[in-house]
PDB file of N, CA and C in Angstrom:
ATOM      1  N   MET A   1      25.421  11.286  10.458  1.00  0.00           N
ATOM      2  CA  MET A   1      25.955  12.407  10.761  1.00  0.00           C
ATOM      3  C   MET A   1      25.117  13.711  10.163  1.00  0.00           C
ATOM      4  N   ASP A   2      24.573  14.652  11.056  1.00  0.00           N
ATOM      5  CA  ASP A   2      23.690  15.447  10.541  1.00  0.00           C
ATOM      6  C   ASP A   2      24.738  16.855  10.848  1.00  0.00           C
ATOM      7  N   ILE A   3      24.989  17.741  10.019  1.00  0.00           N
ATOM      8  CA  ILE A   3      25.861  18.820   9.803  1.00  0.00           C
ATOM      9  C   ILE A   3      25.128  19.849  11.012  1.00  0.00           C
ATOM     10  N   ASN A   4      23.876  19.672  10.600  1.00  0.00           N
ATOM     11  CA  ASN A   4      22.981  20.808  11.870  1.00  0.00           C
ATOM     12  C   ASN A   4      23.246  20.646  13.210  1.00  0.00           C
ATOM     13  N   ILE A   5      23.854  19.659  13.682  1.00  0.00           N
ATOM     14  CA  ILE A   5      24.125  19.367  15.002  1.00  0.00           C
ATOM     15  C   ILE A   5      25.309  20.373  15.384  1.00  0.00           C
ATOM     16  N   LEU A   6      26.291  20.624  14.556  1.00  0.00           N
ATOM     17  CA  LEU A   6      27.589  21.278  14.651  1.00  0.00           C
ATOM     18  C   LEU A   6      26.962  22.767  14.401  1.00  0.00           C
ATOM     19  N   ILE A   7      26.293  22.957  13.368  1.00  0.00           N
ATOM     20  CA  ILE A   7      25.585  24.324  13.006  1.00  0.00           C
ATOM     21  C   ILE A   7      24.961  24.965  14.173  1.00  0.00           C
ATOM     22  N   ASN A   8      24.232  24.242  14.723  1.00  0.00           N
ATOM     23  CA  ASN A   8      23.126  24.529  15.892  1.00  0.00           C
ATOM     24  C   ASN A   8      23.802  24.967  16.926  1.00  0.00           C
ATOM     25  N   ASN A   9      25.187  24.424  17.056  1.00  0.00           N
ATOM     26  CA  ASN A   9      25.892  24.546  18.513  1.00  0.00           C
ATOM     27  C   ASN A   9      26.965  25.446  18.101  1.00  0.00           C
ATOM     28  N   GLY A  10      26.874  26.273  17.342  1.00  0.00           N
ATOM     29  CA  GLY A  10      27.897  27.293  16.931  1.00  0.00           C
ATOM     30  C   GLY A  10      28.950  27.116  16.639  1.00  0.00           C
ATOM     31  N   ILE A  11      29.173  26.077  15.823  1.00  0.00           N
ATOM     32  CA  ILE A  11      30.465  25.414  14.932  1.00  0.00           C
ATOM     33  C   ILE A  11      30.367  26.294  13.516  1.00  0.00           C
ATOM     34  N   ASP A  12      31.405  26.652  13.100  1.00  0.00           N
ATOM     35  CA  ASP A  12      31.428  27.246  11.849  1.00  0.00           C
ATOM     36  C   ASP A  12      31.867  26.111  11.091  1.00  0.00           C
ATOM     37  N   VAL A  13      30.996  25.226  10.274  1.00  0.00           N
ATOM     38  CA  VAL A  13      31.533  24.282   9.372  1.00  0.00           C
ATOM     39  C   VAL A  13      32.234  24.828   8.237  1.00  0.00           C
ATOM     40  N   ASN A  14      31.405  26.016   7.845  1.00  0.00           N
ATOM     41  CA  ASN A  14      31.891  26.618   6.542  1.00  0.00           C
ATOM     42  C   ASN A  14      33.378  27.141   6.579  1.00  0.00           C
ATOM     43  N   LYS A  15      33.824  27.566   7.900  1.00  0.00           N
ATOM     44  CA  LYS A  15      35.208  28.153   8.026  1.00  0.00           C
ATOM     45  C   LYS A  15      36.079  26.702   7.819  1.00  0.00           C
ATOM     46  N   GLY A  16      35.707  25.600   8.635  1.00  0.00           N
ATOM     47  CA  GLY A  16      36.359  24.363   8.335  1.00  0.00           C
ATOM     48  C   GLY A  16      36.576  23.824   6.764  1.00  0.00           C
ATOM     49  N   LEU A  17      35.479  24.055   6.225  1.00  0.00           N
ATOM     50  CA  LEU A  17      35.352  23.608   4.892  1.00  0.00           C
ATOM     51  C   LEU A  17      36.269  24.583   4.033  1.00  0.00           C
ATOM     52  N   GLU A  18      36.409  25.608   4.337  1.00  0.00           N
ATOM     53  CA  GLU A  18      37.209  26.638   3.305  1.00  0.00           C
ATOM     54  C   GLU A  18      38.696  26.110   3.508  1.00  0.00           C
ATOM     55  N   LEU A  19      38.993  25.638   4.767  1.00  0.00           N
ATOM     56  CA  LEU A  19      40.529  25.288   5.108  1.00  0.00           C
ATOM     57  C   LEU A  19      40.768  23.694   4.505  1.00  0.00           C
ATOM     58  N   LEU A  20      39.741  23.140   4.865  1.00  0.00           N
ATOM     59  CA  LEU A  20      40.068  21.586   4.962  1.00  0.00           C
ATOM     60  C   LEU A  20      39.529  20.812   3.458  1.00  0.00           C
ATOM     61  N   GLY A  21      38.565  21.618   2.629  1.00  0.00           N
ATOM     62  CA  GLY A  21      38.272  21.090   1.405  1.00  0.00           C
ATOM     63  C   GLY A  21      36.767  20.389   1.220  1.00  0.00           C
ATOM     64  N   ASP A  22      36.571  19.439   2.105  1.00  0.00           N
ATOM     65  CA  ASP A  22      35.358  18.747   1.910  1.00  0.00           C
ATOM     66  C   ASP A  22      34.929  18.172   3.006  1.00  0.00           C
ATOM     67  N   MET A  23      33.870  17.325   3.227  1.00  0.00           N
ATOM     68  CA  MET A  23      33.223  16.953   4.477  1.00  0.00           C
ATOM     69  C   MET A  23      34.026  15.513   5.097  1.00  0.00           C
ATOM     70  N   GLU A  24      34.666  15.034   3.923  1.00  0.00           N
ATOM     71  CA  GLU A  24      35.441  13.839   4.256  1.00  0.00           C
ATOM     72  C   GLU A  24      36.620  14.116   5.260  1.00  0.00           C
ATOM     73  N   MET A  25      37.259  15.066   4.713  1.00  0.00           N
ATOM     74  CA  MET A  25      38.646  15.561   5.436  1.00  0.00           C
ATOM     75  C   MET A  25      38.119  16.248   6.517  1.00  0.00           C
ATOM     76  N   TYR A  26      37.123  16.995   6.729  1.00  0.00           N
ATOM     77  CA  TYR A  26      36.607  17.422   7.832  1.00  0.00           C
ATOM     78  C   TYR A  26      36.330  16.540   8.737  1.00  0.00           C
ATOM     79  N   ASN A  27      35.455  15.644   8.593  1.00  0.00           N
ATOM     80  CA  ASN A  27      35.205  14.406   9.504  1.00  0.00           C
ATOM     81  C   ASN A  27      36.558  13.772  10.215  1.00  0.00           C
ATOM     82  N   GLU A  28      37.345  13.459   9.196  1.00  0.00           N
ATOM     83  CA  GLU A  28      38.632  12.740   9.580  1.00  0.00           C
ATOM     84  C   GLU A  28      39.388  13.677  10.653  1.00  0.00           C
ATOM     85  N   THR A  29      39.503  15.111  10.404  1.00  0.00           N
ATOM     86  CA  THR A  29      40.092  16.071  11.196  1.00  0.00           C
ATOM     87  C   THR A  29      39.321  16.049  12.469  1.00  0.00           C
ATOM     88  N   LEU A  30      38.042  16.137  12.661  1.00  0.00           N
ATOM     89  CA  LEU A  30      37.185  16.028  13.819  1.00  0.00           C
ATOM     90  C   LEU A  30      37.690  14.831  14.654  1.00  0.00           C
ATOM     91  N   ASN A  31      37.653  13.601  13.925  1.00  0.00           N
ATOM     92  CA  ASN A  31      38.256  12.506  14.795  1.00  0.00           C
ATOM     93  C   ASN A  31      39.480  12.549  15.142  1.00  0.00           C
ATOM     94  N   ASP A  32      40.511  13.069  14.402  1.00  0.00           N
ATOM     95  CA  ASP A  32      41.814  13.494  14.889  1.00  0.00           C
ATOM     96  C   ASP A  32      41.805  14.328  16.116  1.00  0.00           C
ATOM     97  N   PHE A  33      41.066  15.436  16.237  1.00  0.00           N
ATOM     98  CA  PHE A  33      41.046  16.453  17.340  1.00  0.00           C
ATOM     99  C   PHE A  33      40.488  15.491  18.441  1.00  0.00           C
ATOM    100  N   LEU A  34      39.336  14.803  18.396  1.00  0.00           N
ATOM    101  CA  LEU A  34      38.984  14.002  19.523  1.00  0.00           C
ATOM    102  C   LEU A  34      40.210  13.384  20.086  1.00  0.00           C
ATOM    103  N   GLU A  35      40.690  12.448  19.220  1.00  0.00           N
ATOM    104  CA  GLU A  35      41.817  11.603  19.656  1.00  0.00           C
ATOM    105  C   GLU A  35      42.973  12.426  20.284  1.00  0.00           C
ATOM    106  N   GLU A  36      43.438  13.627  19.879  1.00  0.00           N
ATOM    107  CA  GLU A  36      44.236  14.149  20.362  1.00  0.00           C
ATOM    108  C   GLU A  36      43.698  14.886  21.699  1.00  0.00           C
ATOM    109  N   SER A  37      42.794  15.194  21.694  1.00  0.00           N
ATOM    110  CA  SER A  37      42.029  15.730  23.227  1.00  0.00           C
ATOM    111  C   SER A  37      42.286  14.786  24.261  1.00  0.00           C
ATOM    112  N   LYS A  38      42.588  13.419  23.829  1.00  0.00           N
ATOM    113  CA  LYS A  38      42.537  12.418  25.163  1.00  0.00           C
ATOM    114  C   LYS A  38      43.789  12.550  25.922  1.00  0.00           C
ATOM    115  N   THR A  39      44.737  13.181  25.071  1.00  0.00           N
ATOM    116  CA  THR A  39      46.017  13.362  25.950  1.00  0.00           C
ATOM    117  C   THR A  39      46.558  14.851  26.197  1.00  0.00           C
ATOM    118  N   ARG A  40      46.066  15.664  25.122  1.00  0.00           N
ATOM    119  CA  ARG A  40      46.073  17.316  25.316  1.00  0.00           C
ATOM    120  C   ARG A  40      45.563  17.886  26.496  1.00  0.00           C
ATOM    121  N   VAL A  41      44.267  17.455  26.764  1.00  0.00           N
ATOM    122  CA  VAL A  41      43.574  18.133  27.973  1.00  0.00           C
ATOM    123  C   VAL A  41      44.123  17.807  29.327  1.00  0.00           C
ATOM    124  N   PRO A  42      44.386  16.394  29.265  1.00  0.00           N
ATOM    125  CA  PRO A  42      44.966  16.071  30.808  1.00  0.00           C
ATOM    126  C   PRO A  42      46.410  16.842  30.768  1.00  0.00           C
ATOM    127  N   ASN A  43      47.060  17.030  29.665  1.00  0.00           N
ATOM    128  CA  ASN A  43      48.498  17.696  29.865  1.00  0.00           C
ATOM    129  C   ASN A  43      48.262  19.219  30.159  1.00  0.00           C
ATOM    130  N   ILE A  44      47.213  19.745  29.447  1.00  0.00           N
ATOM    131  CA  ILE A  44      46.875  21.133  29.784  1.00  0.00           C
ATOM    132  C   ILE A  44      46.616  21.372  31.341  1.00  0.00           C
ATOM    133  N   ILE A  45      46.254  20.527  31.761  1.00  0.00           N
ATOM    134  CA  ILE A  45      45.567  20.420  33.144  1.00  0.00           C
ATOM    135  C   ILE A  45      46.757  20.590  34.040  1.00  0.00           C
ATOM    136  N   ASN A  46      47.703  19.578  33.821  1.00  0.00           N
ATOM    137  CA  ASN A  46      48.836  19.168  34.692  1.00  0.00           C
ATOM    138  C   ASN A  46      49.933  20.214  34.266  1.00  0.00           C
ATOM    139  N   TYR A  47      50.013  20.752  33.149  1.00  0.00           N
ATOM    140  CA  TYR A  47      51.058  21.666  32.908  1.00  0.00           C
ATOM    141  C   TYR A  47      50.599  23.306  33.794  1.00  0.00           C
ATOM    142  N   ALA A  48      49.231  23.438  33.735  1.00  0.00           N
ATOM    143  CA  ALA A  48      48.635  24.663  34.378  1.00  0.00           C
ATOM    144  C   ALA A  48      48.793  24.481  35.931  1.00  0.00           C
ATOM    145  N   GLN A  49      48.584  23.206  36.385  1.00  0.00           N
ATOM    146  CA  GLN A  49      48.596  22.936  38.211  1.00  0.00           C
ATOM    147  C   GLN A  49      50.045  23.082  38.473  1.00  0.00           C
ATOM    148  N   THR A  50      51.120  22.998  37.607  1.00  0.00           N
ATOM    149  CA  THR A  50      52.295  22.701  37.834  1.00  0.00           C
ATOM    150  C   THR A  50      53.188  23.861  37.352  1.00  0.00           C
ATOM    151  N   GLY A  51      52.534  24.868  36.464  1.00  0.00           N
ATOM    152  CA  GLY A  51      53.231  25.891  36.335  1.00  0.00           C
ATOM    153  C   GLY A  51      54.333  26.020  35.115  1.00  0.00           C
ATOM    154  N   ASN A  52      54.067  24.845  34.703  1.00  0.00           N
ATOM    155  CA  ASN A  52      55.081  24.652  33.350  1.00  0.00           C
ATOM    156  C   ASN A  52      54.520  25.327  32.176  1.00  0.00           C
ATOM    157  N   LEU A  53      54.772  26.545  32.124  1.00  0.00           N
ATOM    158  CA  LEU A  53      54.250  27.637  31.122  1.00  0.00           C
ATOM    159  C   LEU A  53      54.764  27.228  29.682  1.00  0.00           C
ATOM    160  N   PRO A  54      56.040  26.842  29.423  1.00  0.00           N
ATOM    161  CA  PRO A  54      56.316  26.630  28.449  1.00  0.00           C
ATOM    162  C   PRO A  54      55.671  25.517  27.471  1.00  0.00           C
ATOM    163  N   GLU A  55      55.541  24.494  28.089  1.00  0.00           N
ATOM    164  CA  GLU A  55      54.514  23.352  27.711  1.00  0.00           C
ATOM    165  C   GLU A  55      53.082  23.579  27.565  1.00  0.00           C
ATOM    166  N   TYR A  56      52.534  24.354  28.509  1.00  0.00           N
ATOM    167  CA  TYR A  56      51.358  24.709  28.585  1.00  0.00           C
ATOM    168  C   TYR A  56      50.903  25.440  27.344  1.00  0.00           C
ATOM    169  N   THR A  57      51.827  26.437  27.075  1.00  0.00           N
ATOM    170  CA  THR A  57      51.659  27.650  26.060  1.00  0.00           C
ATOM    171  C   THR A  57      51.566  26.851  24.631  1.00  0.00           C
ATOM    172  N   THR A  58      52.558  25.904  24.565  1.00  0.00           N
ATOM    173  CA  THR A  58      52.666  25.176  23.343  1.00  0.00           C
ATOM    174  C   THR A  58      51.261  24.011  23.007  1.00  0.00           C
ATOM    175  N   LEU A  59      50.921  23.489  24.128  1.00  0.00           N
ATOM    176  CA  LEU A  59      49.501  22.890  23.839  1.00  0.00           C
ATOM    177  C   LEU A  59      48.294  23.599  23.810  1.00  0.00           C
ATOM    178  N   VAL A  60      48.375  24.920  24.420  1.00  0.00           N
ATOM    179  CA  VAL A  60      46.982  25.780  23.897  1.00  0.00           C
ATOM    180  C   VAL A  60      47.026  26.373  22.678  1.00  0.00           C
ATOM    181  N   HIS A  61      48.224  26.489  22.081  1.00  0.00           N
ATOM    182  CA  HIS A  61      48.542  27.055  20.911  1.00  0.00           C
ATOM    183  C   HIS A  61      48.199  25.858  19.769  1.00  0.00           C
ATOM    184  N   ALA A  62      48.654  24.942  20.172  1.00  0.00           N
ATOM    185  CA  ALA A  62      48.121  23.527  18.998  1.00  0.00           C
ATOM    186  C   ALA A  62      46.472  23.648  19.299  1.00  0.00           C
ATOM    187  N   GLN A  63      45.825  23.494  20.505  1.00  0.00           N
ATOM    188  CA  GLN A  63      44.286  23.603  20.509  1.00  0.00           C
ATOM    189  C   GLN A  63      43.751  24.788  19.781  1.00  0.00           C
ATOM    190  N   LYS A  64      44.361  25.921  19.802  1.00  0.00           N
ATOM    191  CA  LYS A  64      43.768  27.025  19.250  1.00  0.00           C
ATOM    192  C   LYS A  64      44.123  26.768  17.485  1.00  0.00           C
ATOM    193  N   SER A  65      45.098  26.413  17.218  1.00  0.00           N
ATOM    194  CA  SER A  65      45.183  26.252  15.601  1.00  0.00           C
ATOM    195  C   SER A  65      44.198  25.325  15.196  1.00  0.00           C
ATOM    196  N   ASP A  66      44.191  23.733  16.102  1.00  0.00           N
ATOM    197  CA  ASP A  66      43.032  22.819  15.775  1.00  0.00           C
ATOM    198  C   ASP A  66      41.633  23.501  15.519  1.00  0.00           C
ATOM    199  N   SER A  67      41.353  24.235  16.597  1.00  0.00           N
ATOM    200  CA  SER A  67      40.241  24.797  16.592  1.00  0.00           C
ATOM    201  C   SER A  67      39.765  25.932  15.737  1.00  0.00           C
ATOM    202  N   LYS A  68      40.635  26.562  15.190  1.00  0.00           N
ATOM    203  CA  LYS A  68      40.391  27.480  13.867  1.00  0.00           C
ATOM    204  C   LYS A  68      40.217  26.708  12.743  1.00  0.00           C
ATOM    205  N   TYR A  69      40.844  25.646  12.471  1.00  0.00           N
ATOM    206  CA  TYR A  69      40.798  24.890  11.368  1.00  0.00           C
ATOM    207  C   TYR A  69      39.353  24.106  11.317  1.00  0.00           C
ATOM    208  N   LEU A  70      38.606  23.902  12.368  1.00  0.00           N
ATOM    209  CA  LEU A  70      37.396  23.338  12.616  1.00  0.00           C
ATOM    210  C   LEU A  70      36.118  24.184  12.767  1.00  0.00           C
ATOM    211  N   GLY A  71      36.377  25.411  12.947  1.00  0.00           N
ATOM    212  CA  GLY A  71      35.177  26.117  13.137  1.00  0.00           C
ATOM    213  C   GLY A  71      34.979  26.300  14.552  1.00  0.00           C
ATOM    214  N   PHE A  72      35.597  25.992  15.838  1.00  0.00           N
ATOM    215  CA  PHE A  72      35.572  26.237  17.234  1.00  0.00           C
ATOM    216  C   PHE A  72      35.794  27.605  17.508  1.00  0.00           C
ATOM    217  N   THR A  73      35.257  28.516  17.335  1.00  0.00           N
ATOM    218  CA  THR A  73      35.334  29.810  17.244  1.00  0.00           C
ATOM    219  C   THR A  73      35.664  30.194  18.588  1.00  0.00           C
ATOM    220  N   THR A  74      34.775  29.788  19.496  1.00  0.00           N
ATOM    221  CA  THR A  74      34.999  30.158  20.971  1.00  0.00           C
ATOM    222  C   THR A  74      36.140  29.466  21.624  1.00  0.00           C
ATOM    223  N   LEU A  75      36.284  28.504  21.358  1.00  0.00           N
ATOM    224  CA  LEU A  75      37.398  27.503  21.717  1.00  0.00           C
ATOM    225  C   LEU A  75      38.814  28.040  21.386  1.00  0.00           C
ATOM    226  N   ALA A  76      38.636  28.554  20.168  1.00  0.00           N
ATOM    227  CA  ALA A  76      39.834  29.198  19.506  1.00  0.00           C
ATOM    228  C   ALA A  76      40.281  30.568  20.330  1.00  0.00           C
ATOM    229  N   GLU A  77      39.258  31.202  20.424  1.00  0.00           N
ATOM    230  CA  GLU A  77      39.545  32.677  21.232  1.00  0.00           C
ATOM    231  C   GLU A  77      39.895  32.322  22.555  1.00  0.00           C
ATOM    232  N   LEU A  78      39.301  31.353  23.299  1.00  0.00           N
ATOM    233  CA  LEU A  78      39.778  31.251  24.565  1.00  0.00           C
ATOM    234  C   LEU A  78      41.303  30.532  24.545  1.00  0.00           C
ATOM    235  N   SER A  79      41.544  29.624  23.647  1.00  0.00           N
ATOM    236  CA  SER A  79      42.905  28.892  23.665  1.00  0.00           C
ATOM    237  C   SER A  79      43.813  30.145  23.426  1.00  0.00           C
ATOM    238  N   TYR A  80      43.473  30.981  22.436  1.00  0.00           N
ATOM    239  CA  TYR A  80      44.416  32.325  22.239  1.00  0.00           C
ATOM    240  C   TYR A  80      44.671  33.120  23.526  1.00  0.00           C
ATOM    241  N   ASN A  81      43.715  33.424  24.298  1.00  0.00           N
ATOM    242  CA  ASN A  81      43.833  34.143  25.409  1.00  0.00           C
ATOM    243  C   ASN A  81      44.742  33.290  26.533  1.00  0.00           C
ATOM    244  N   HIS A  82      44.804  32.107  26.471  1.00  0.00           N
ATOM    245  CA  HIS A  82      45.498  31.088  27.496  1.00  0.00           C
ATOM    246  C   HIS A  82      47.059  31.122  26.761  1.00  0.00           C
ATOM    247  N   GLU A  83      46.862  31.221  25.668  1.00  0.00           N
ATOM    248  CA  GLU A  83      48.127  31.143  24.871  1.00  0.00           C
ATOM    249  C   GLU A  83      49.207  32.555  25.301  1.00  0.00           C
ATOM    250  N   MET A  84      48.314  33.558  25.142  1.00  0.00           N
ATOM    251  CA  MET A  84      49.162  34.812  25.410  1.00  0.00           C
ATOM    252  C   MET A  84      49.621  35.062  26.928  1.00  0.00           C
ATOM    253  N   ALA A  85      48.493  34.374  27.814  1.00  0.00           N
ATOM    254  CA  ALA A  85      48.742  34.382  29.144  1.00  0.00           C
ATOM    255  C   ALA A  85      50.003  33.618  29.366  1.00  0.00           C
ATOM    256  N   GLY A  86      50.144  32.450  28.550  1.00  0.00           N
ATOM    257  CA  GLY A  86      51.283  31.564  28.694  1.00  0.00           C
ATOM    258  C   GLY A  86      52.643  32.306  28.519  1.00  0.00           C
ATOM    259  N   ARG A  87      52.645  33.196  27.361  1.00  0.00           N
ATOM    260  CA  ARG A  87      53.740  33.857  26.864  1.00  0.00           C
ATOM    261  C   ARG A  87      54.042  34.853  27.701  1.00  0.00           C
ATOM    262  N   GLU A  88      53.237  35.512  28.559  1.00  0.00           N
ATOM    263  CA  GLU A  88      53.511  36.658  29.428  1.00  0.00           C
ATOM    264  C   GLU A  88      53.746  36.056  30.803  1.00  0.00           C
ATOM    265  N   ASN A  89      53.756  34.790  31.114  1.00  0.00           N
ATOM    266  CA  ASN A  89      53.938  34.277  32.100  1.00  0.00           C
ATOM    267  C   ASN A  89      52.938  34.542  33.464  1.00  0.00           C
ATOM    268  N   ASN A  90      51.681  34.725  32.906  1.00  0.00           N
ATOM    269  CA  ASN A  90      50.562  34.985  33.630  1.00  0.00           C
ATOM    270  C   ASN A  90      49.861  33.927  34.198  1.00  0.00           C
ATOM    271  N   LEU A  91      50.468  33.249  35.173  1.00  0.00           N
ATOM    272  CA  LEU A  91      49.749  31.919  35.767  1.00  0.00           C
ATOM    273  C   LEU A  91      48.531  32.270  36.522  1.00  0.00           C
ATOM    274  N   GLU A  92      48.548  33.457  37.061  1.00  0.00           N
ATOM    275  CA  GLU A  92      47.171  33.760  37.639  1.00  0.00           C
ATOM    276  C   GLU A  92      46.055  33.658  36.709  1.00  0.00           C
ATOM    277  N   TYR A  93      46.179  34.279  35.573  1.00  0.00           N
ATOM    278  CA  TYR A  93      45.177  34.185  34.444  1.00  0.00           C
ATOM    279  C   TYR A  93      44.840  33.010  34.117  1.00  0.00           C
ATOM    280  N   ILE A  94      45.676  32.027  34.117  1.00  0.00           N
ATOM    281  CA  ILE A  94      45.815  30.853  33.669  1.00  0.00           C
ATOM    282  C   ILE A  94      44.901  29.961  34.629  1.00  0.00           C
ATOM    283  N   LYS A  95      45.094  29.895  35.601  1.00  0.00           N
ATOM    284  CA  LYS A  95      44.467  29.137  36.784  1.00  0.00           C
ATOM    285  C   LYS A  95      43.099  29.785  37.208  1.00  0.00           C
ATOM    286  N   THR A  96      43.149  31.149  37.049  1.00  0.00           N
ATOM    287  CA  THR A  96      41.597  31.862  37.070  1.00  0.00           C
ATOM    288  C   THR A  96      40.702  31.309  36.176  1.00  0.00           C
ATOM    289  N   ASN A  97      41.188  31.155  34.795  1.00  0.00           N
ATOM    290  CA  ASN A  97      40.282  30.927  33.878  1.00  0.00           C
ATOM    291  C   ASN A  97      40.408  29.597  33.137  1.00  0.00           C
ATOM    292  N   LEU A  98      41.247  28.707  33.745  1.00  0.00           N
ATOM    293  CA  LEU A  98      41.332  27.309  33.231  1.00  0.00           C
ATOM    294  C   LEU A  98      40.030  26.583  33.170  1.00  0.00           C
ATOM    295  N   GLN A  99      39.300  26.729  34.105  1.00  0.00           N
ATOM    296  CA  GLN A  99      37.979  26.015  33.853  1.00  0.00           C
ATOM    297  C   GLN A  99      37.046  26.442  32.641  1.00  0.00           C
ATOM    298  N   ASN A 100      37.180  27.720  32.119  1.00  0.00           N
ATOM    299  CA  ASN A 100      36.271  28.076  31.280  1.00  0.00           C
ATOM    300  C   ASN A 100      36.944  27.368  29.955  1.00  0.00           C
ATOM    301  N   LEU A 101      38.154  27.280  29.797  1.00  0.00           N
ATOM    302  CA  LEU A 101      38.678  26.794  28.622  1.00  0.00           C
ATOM    303  C   LEU A 101      38.387  25.302  28.737  1.00  0.00           C
ATOM    304  N   LEU A 102      38.353  24.594  29.624  1.00  0.00           N
ATOM    305  CA  LEU A 102      38.082  23.131  29.927  1.00  0.00           C
ATOM    306  C   LEU A 102      36.737  22.786  29.780  1.00  0.00           C
ATOM    307  N   ASP A 103      35.752  23.893  30.035  1.00  0.00           N
ATOM    308  CA  ASP A 103      34.477  23.664  29.730  1.00  0.00           C
ATOM    309  C   ASP A 103      33.987  23.710  28.310  1.00  0.00           C
ATOM    310  N   GLU A 104      34.553  24.708  27.623  1.00  0.00           N
ATOM    311  CA  GLU A 104      34.422  24.876  26.369  1.00  0.00           C
ATOM    312  C   GLU A 104      34.910  23.603  25.493  1.00  0.00           C
ATOM    313  N   GLU A 105      36.273  23.189  25.967  1.00  0.00           N
ATOM    314  CA  GLU A 105      36.800  22.084  25.294  1.00  0.00           C
ATOM    315  C   GLU A 105      35.841  20.909  25.528  1.00  0.00           C
ATOM    316  N   LYS A 106      35.181  20.515  26.375  1.00  0.00           N
ATOM    317  CA  LYS A 106      34.164  19.523  26.870  1.00  0.00           C
ATOM    318  C   LYS A 106      32.831  19.614  25.734  1.00  0.00           C
ATOM    319  N   ARG A 107      32.535  20.943  25.998  1.00  0.00           N
ATOM    320  CA  ARG A 107      31.251  21.059  25.152  1.00  0.00           C
ATOM    321  C   ARG A 107      31.688  20.846  23.768  1.00  0.00           C
ATOM    322  N   ILE A 108      32.550  21.196  23.102  1.00  0.00           N
ATOM    323  CA  ILE A 108      32.908  20.825  21.762  1.00  0.00           C
ATOM    324  C   ILE A 108      33.113  19.257  21.482  1.00  0.00           C
ATOM    325  N   GLU A 109      33.923  18.510  22.518  1.00  0.00           N
ATOM    326  CA  GLU A 109      33.797  16.994  22.464  1.00  0.00           C
ATOM    327  C   GLU A 109      32.732  16.629  22.485  1.00  0.00           C
ATOM    328  N   ASP A 110      31.700  17.153  23.336  1.00  0.00           N
ATOM    329  CA  ASP A 110      30.395  16.608  23.496  1.00  0.00           C
ATOM    330  C   ASP A 110      29.593  16.509  22.003  1.00  0.00           C
ATOM    331  N   ILE A 111      29.669  17.614  21.462  1.00  0.00           N
ATOM    332  CA  ILE A 111      28.930  17.974  20.306  1.00  0.00           C
ATOM    333  C   ILE A 111      29.516  16.957  19.182  1.00  0.00           C
ATOM    334  N   VAL A 112      31.033  17.040  18.983  1.00  0.00           N
ATOM    335  CA  VAL A 112      31.586  16.188  17.945  1.00  0.00           C
ATOM    336  C   VAL A 112      31.199  14.768  18.161  1.00  0.00           C
ATOM    337  N   HIS A 113      31.165  14.135  19.375  1.00  0.00           N
ATOM    338  CA  HIS A 113      30.815  12.861  19.717  1.00  0.00           C
ATOM    339  C   HIS A 113      29.357  12.668  19.201  1.00  0.00           C
ATOM    340  N   THR A 114      28.485  13.514  19.432  1.00  0.00           N
ATOM    341  CA  THR A 114      27.160  13.257  19.064  1.00  0.00           C
ATOM    342  C   THR A 114      27.012  13.308  17.533  1.00  0.00           C
ATOM    343  N   TYR A 115      27.757  14.314  16.832  1.00  0.00           N
ATOM    344  CA  TYR A 115      27.682  14.296  15.524  1.00  0.00           C
ATOM    345  C   TYR A 115      28.140  13.076  14.847  1.00  0.00           C
ATOM    346  N   LEU A 116      29.173  12.818  15.367  1.00  0.00           N
ATOM    347  CA  LEU A 116      30.039  11.541  14.775  1.00  0.00           C
ATOM    348  C   LEU A 116      29.218  10.294  15.303  1.00  0.00           C
ATOM    349  N   GLY A 117      28.259  10.012  15.970  1.00  0.00           N
ATOM    350  CA  GLY A 117      27.580   9.118  16.667  1.00  0.00           C
ATOM    351  C   GLY A 117      28.562   8.289  17.615  1.00  0.00           C
ATOM    352  N   LYS A 118      29.348   8.652  18.220  1.00  0.00           N
ATOM    353  CA  LYS A 118      30.227   8.129  19.165  1.00  0.00           C
ATOM    354  C   LYS A 118      29.663   8.055  20.415  1.00  0.00           C
TER     355      LYS A 118
END
């Protein structure tokens, strides 16, 4: 595991270490993030497509929080924007910008998989 893979791809590892303490805990949390994404991402898509904004907002809020803990700054910002749109019942914003959120989620997953050697 080469930490430079994360750093060179814009992940603020130092922010994550401030919150999580050490690399062992950070790496465990990265694994948890990947595992959670297996169900969270399909549910985000489903809730956006069906207009279930309460559930959608809950999931993007959780994604925002996890992203902040791990130093995924861009994903945290995008998730926050979607959370606010959900709270405002702005389904048009969500549908228009969903792909950007999903693309960043996928980019992060790919980086983390590479870092963890998965």
